[in-house]
């Protein structure tokens, strides 16, 4: 069961914490991720509302940054 939950957390960008006497370490990681984020918006150049998917690529030059 632990492998399934860990896989689910990993595949959705989440964090899993298992079998630890130091729950604060896992919660500190979650707190750090939740307190450091940007919200990006997208405005397509085409005014058509055709429901087509568009590929968007986000990059950063900041060292040690992980984009999700």
Protein backbone atom coordinates (compact mmCIF):
# COMPACT_ATOMS: atom_id res chain seq x y z
CA UNK A 1 0.00 0.00 0.00
CA UNK A 2 2.87 2.37 0.83
CA UNK A 3 4.30 1.98 -2.69
CA UNK A 4 0.95 2.86 -4.25
CA UNK A 5 0.57 5.99 -2.12
CA UNK A 6 4.19 7.04 -2.72
CA UNK A 7 3.73 6.54 -6.49
CA UNK A 8 0.51 8.57 -6.45
CA UNK A 9 2.19 11.41 -4.55
CA UNK A 10 5.23 11.40 -6.87
CA UNK A 11 3.19 11.32 -10.07
CA UNK A 12 1.01 14.25 -9.00
CA UNK A 13 3.83 16.46 -7.69
CA UNK A 14 3.00 15.72 -4.08
CA UNK A 15 5.06 14.59 -1.12
CA UNK A 16 4.76 11.40 0.87
CA UNK A 17 5.85 10.88 4.47
CA UNK A 18 6.00 7.32 5.85
CA UNK A 19 7.38 5.46 8.85
CA UNK A 20 9.10 8.33 10.57
CA UNK A 21 9.45 9.56 14.10
CA UNK A 22 10.13 13.03 12.69
CA UNK A 23 6.88 14.11 11.06
CA UNK A 24 8.04 17.74 11.25
CA UNK A 25 10.68 17.08 8.58
CA UNK A 26 8.02 16.06 6.04
CA UNK A 27 5.72 18.90 7.06
CA UNK A 28 8.59 21.41 6.79
CA UNK A 29 9.14 20.27 3.18
CA UNK A 30 5.44 20.75 2.38
CA UNK A 31 5.45 24.16 4.07
CA UNK A 32 8.50 25.27 2.07
CA UNK A 33 6.87 24.26 -1.22
CA UNK A 34 3.58 25.96 -0.38
CA UNK A 35 5.23 29.21 0.65
CA UNK A 36 7.37 29.58 -2.49
CA UNK A 37 5.39 29.65 -5.71
CA UNK A 38 4.35 31.74 -8.69
CA UNK A 39 1.03 31.72 -10.49
CA UNK A 40 1.30 32.01 -14.27
CA UNK A 41 -1.41 32.95 -16.70
CA UNK A 42 -1.80 32.22 -20.41
CA UNK A 43 -3.56 34.34 -22.99
CA UNK A 44 -3.65 32.61 -26.41
CA UNK A 45 -2.84 34.71 -29.47
CA UNK A 46 -5.80 33.22 -31.33
CA UNK A 47 -9.20 34.60 -30.28
CA UNK A 48 -10.88 31.32 -31.34
CA UNK A 49 -12.49 29.32 -28.57
CA UNK A 50 -11.90 26.02 -30.32
CA UNK A 51 -11.08 23.95 -27.19
CA UNK A 52 -7.82 22.78 -28.77
CA UNK A 53 -4.94 21.94 -26.46
CA UNK A 54 -1.88 24.16 -26.63
CA UNK A 55 1.60 23.21 -25.52
CA UNK A 56 3.18 25.61 -23.06
CA UNK A 57 6.80 25.36 -21.95
CA UNK A 58 7.96 27.14 -18.80
CA UNK A 59 11.69 27.56 -18.17
CA UNK A 60 13.83 29.21 -15.53
CA UNK A 61 17.47 30.17 -15.29
CA UNK A 62 17.40 30.09 -11.49
CA UNK A 63 19.84 27.49 -10.22
CA UNK A 64 18.47 24.72 -8.00
CA UNK A 65 14.87 25.48 -8.93
CA UNK A 66 12.41 22.68 -9.58
CA UNK A 67 9.41 23.49 -11.77
CA UNK A 68 6.19 21.54 -11.35
